[in-house]
Amino acid sequence: MQNNEEIIRLEQLVETLISRFREQKSRLQTLEKKLRDREEECELVKLEIGELQKQRAEVTSRVTGLLGRIEDWETEITPNLKKGDLVKKD
């Protein structure tokens, strides 16, 4: 009779272990999917950052060009004046 009880306990233990294993396997799959999703999101963010850096460089270049043109224009219209002379004095 004692052998029967031990076998029943062993069966219950095995069922518990199998159940926990399945739960953990399911949890692992969920976490792996979340990880894949985060990695995809990270790649998209990296691409967006790269694109924004290109745009920033282009804007910087264009603004620098505009500033150069303004300086050239100032030089053309005021060849004999110092930079501070254009400011109105009250």
C-alpha atoms as a PDB file:
ATOM      1  CA  MET A   1       0.000   0.000   0.000  1.00  0.00           C
ATOM      2  CA  GLN A   2       2.831   2.348   0.765  1.00  0.00           C
ATOM      3  CA  ASN A   3       4.263   1.827  -2.721  1.00  0.00           C
ATOM      4  CA  ASN A   4       0.951   2.865  -4.194  1.00  0.00           C
ATOM      5  CA  GLU A   5       0.935   6.101  -2.159  1.00  0.00           C
ATOM      6  CA  GLU A   6       4.490   6.855  -3.215  1.00  0.00           C
ATOM      7  CA  ILE A   7       3.606   6.288  -6.839  1.00  0.00           C
ATOM      8  CA  ILE A   8       0.614   8.608  -6.492  1.00  0.00           C
ATOM      9  CA  ARG A   9       2.845  11.286  -4.930  1.00  0.00           C
ATOM     10  CA  LEU A  10       5.364  10.791  -7.708  1.00  0.00           C
ATOM     11  CA  GLU A  11       2.641  11.134 -10.354  1.00  0.00           C
ATOM     12  CA  GLN A  12       1.419  14.340  -8.731  1.00  0.00           C
ATOM     13  CA  LEU A  13       4.942  15.691  -8.593  1.00  0.00           C
ATOM     14  CA  VAL A  14       5.513  14.867 -12.242  1.00  0.00           C
ATOM     15  CA  GLU A  15       2.217  16.556 -13.200  1.00  0.00           C
ATOM     16  CA  THR A  16       3.186  19.638 -11.192  1.00  0.00           C
ATOM     17  CA  LEU A  17       6.592  19.749 -12.855  1.00  0.00           C
ATOM     18  CA  ILE A  18       5.088  19.361 -16.317  1.00  0.00           C
ATOM     19  CA  SER A  19       2.560  22.101 -15.589  1.00  0.00           C
ATOM     20  CA  ARG A  20       5.249  24.480 -14.331  1.00  0.00           C
ATOM     21  CA  PHE A  21       7.448  23.668 -17.310  1.00  0.00           C
ATOM     22  CA  ARG A  22       4.618  24.556 -19.705  1.00  0.00           C
ATOM     23  CA  GLU A  23       3.947  27.801 -17.839  1.00  0.00           C
ATOM     24  CA  GLN A  24       7.607  28.752 -17.991  1.00  0.00           C
ATOM     25  CA  LYS A  25       7.832  27.807 -21.656  1.00  0.00           C
ATOM     26  CA  SER A  26       4.823  30.002 -22.401  1.00  0.00           C
ATOM     27  CA  ARG A  27       6.326  32.854 -20.398  1.00  0.00           C
ATOM     28  CA  LEU A  28       9.615  32.451 -22.266  1.00  0.00           C
ATOM     29  CA  GLN A  29       7.836  32.651 -25.621  1.00  0.00           C
ATOM     30  CA  THR A  30       6.026  35.810 -24.500  1.00  0.00           C
ATOM     31  CA  LEU A  31       9.281  37.399 -23.367  1.00  0.00           C
ATOM     32  CA  GLU A  32      11.048  36.404 -26.597  1.00  0.00           C
ATOM     33  CA  LYS A  33       8.276  38.055 -28.624  1.00  0.00           C
ATOM     34  CA  LYS A  34       8.530  41.217 -26.521  1.00  0.00           C
ATOM     35  CA  LEU A  35      12.280  41.203 -27.070  1.00  0.00           C
ATOM     36  CA  ARG A  36      11.872  40.860 -30.849  1.00  0.00           C
ATOM     37  CA  ASP A  37       9.319  43.686 -30.830  1.00  0.00           C
ATOM     38  CA  ARG A  38      11.671  45.927 -28.828  1.00  0.00           C
ATOM     39  CA  GLU A  39      14.584  45.116 -31.135  1.00  0.00           C
ATOM     40  CA  GLU A  40      12.473  46.046 -34.169  1.00  0.00           C
ATOM     41  CA  GLU A  41      11.409  49.261 -32.446  1.00  0.00           C
ATOM     42  CA  CYS A  42      15.036  50.018 -31.613  1.00  0.00           C
ATOM     43  CA  GLU A  43      16.055  49.552 -35.253  1.00  0.00           C
ATOM     44  CA  LEU A  44      13.278  51.890 -36.386  1.00  0.00           C
ATOM     45  CA  VAL A  45      14.392  54.513 -33.872  1.00  0.00           C
ATOM     46  CA  LYS A  46      17.985  54.186 -35.085  1.00  0.00           C
ATOM     47  CA  LEU A  47      16.839  54.725 -38.674  1.00  0.00           C
ATOM     48  CA  GLU A  48      14.794  57.745 -37.628  1.00  0.00           C
ATOM     49  CA  ILE A  49      17.761  59.204 -35.729  1.00  0.00           C
ATOM     50  CA  GLY A  50      19.951  58.753 -38.796  1.00  0.00           C
ATOM     51  CA  GLU A  51      17.397  60.518 -40.964  1.00  0.00           C
ATOM     52  CA  LEU A  52      17.067  63.373 -38.465  1.00  0.00           C
ATOM     53  CA  GLN A  53      20.859  63.746 -38.333  1.00  0.00           C
ATOM     54  CA  LYS A  54      20.953  64.040 -42.132  1.00  0.00           C
ATOM     55  CA  GLN A  55      18.220  66.677 -42.035  1.00  0.00           C
ATOM     56  CA  ARG A  56      20.048  68.570 -39.306  1.00  0.00           C
ATOM     57  CA  ALA A  57      23.278  68.553 -41.305  1.00  0.00           C
ATOM     58  CA  GLU A  58      21.420  69.834 -44.360  1.00  0.00           C
ATOM     59  CA  VAL A  59      19.751  72.638 -42.374  1.00  0.00           C
ATOM     60  CA  THR A  60      23.096  73.567 -40.792  1.00  0.00           C
ATOM     61  CA  SER A  61      24.695  73.724 -44.216  1.00  0.00           C
ATOM     62  CA  ARG A  62      21.903  75.848 -45.638  1.00  0.00           C
ATOM     63  CA  VAL A  63      21.924  78.257 -42.673  1.00  0.00           C
ATOM     64  CA  THR A  64      25.707  78.573 -42.920  1.00  0.00           C
ATOM     65  CA  GLY A  65      25.319  79.375 -46.603  1.00  0.00           C
ATOM     66  CA  LEU A  66      22.686  82.002 -45.853  1.00  0.00           C
ATOM     67  CA  LEU A  67      24.864  83.594 -43.205  1.00  0.00           C
ATOM     68  CA  GLY A  68      27.744  83.727 -45.670  1.00  0.00           C
ATOM     69  CA  ARG A  69      25.536  85.378 -48.276  1.00  0.00           C
ATOM     70  CA  ILE A  70      24.336  87.933 -45.717  1.00  0.00           C
ATOM     71  CA  GLU A  71      27.928  88.722 -44.752  1.00  0.00           C
ATOM     72  CA  ASP A  72      28.860  89.108 -48.426  1.00  0.00           C
ATOM     73  CA  TRP A  73      25.874  91.379 -48.960  1.00  0.00           C
ATOM     74  CA  GLU A  74      26.822  93.492 -45.936  1.00  0.00           C
ATOM     75  CA  THR A  75      30.326  93.824 -47.333  1.00  0.00           C
ATOM     76  CA  GLU A  76      28.932  94.961 -50.701  1.00  0.00           C
ATOM     77  CA  ILE A  77      26.647  97.651 -49.316  1.00  0.00           C
ATOM     78  CA  THR A  78      28.982  98.944 -46.647  1.00  0.00           C
ATOM     79  CA  PRO A  79      32.553  98.641 -47.954  1.00  0.00           C
ATOM     80  CA  ASN A  80      33.874 101.562 -45.956  1.00  0.00           C
ATOM     81  CA  LEU A  81      31.814 101.163 -42.774  1.00  0.00           C
ATOM     82  CA  LYS A  82      32.626  99.122 -39.742  1.00  0.00           C
ATOM     83  CA  LYS A  83      30.067  96.520 -38.674  1.00  0.00           C
ATOM     84  CA  GLY A  84      28.871  98.573 -35.698  1.00  0.00           C
ATOM     85  CA  ASP A  85      28.175 101.643 -37.869  1.00  0.00           C
ATOM     86  CA  LEU A  86      24.981 100.157 -39.294  1.00  0.00           C
ATOM     87  CA  VAL A  87      23.272 100.204 -35.918  1.00  0.00           C
ATOM     88  CA  LYS A  88      21.153 103.287 -35.278  1.00  0.00           C
ATOM     89  CA  LYS A  89      22.434 105.373 -32.427  1.00  0.00           C
ATOM     90  CA  ASP A  90      19.872 107.340 -30.420  1.00  0.00           C
END
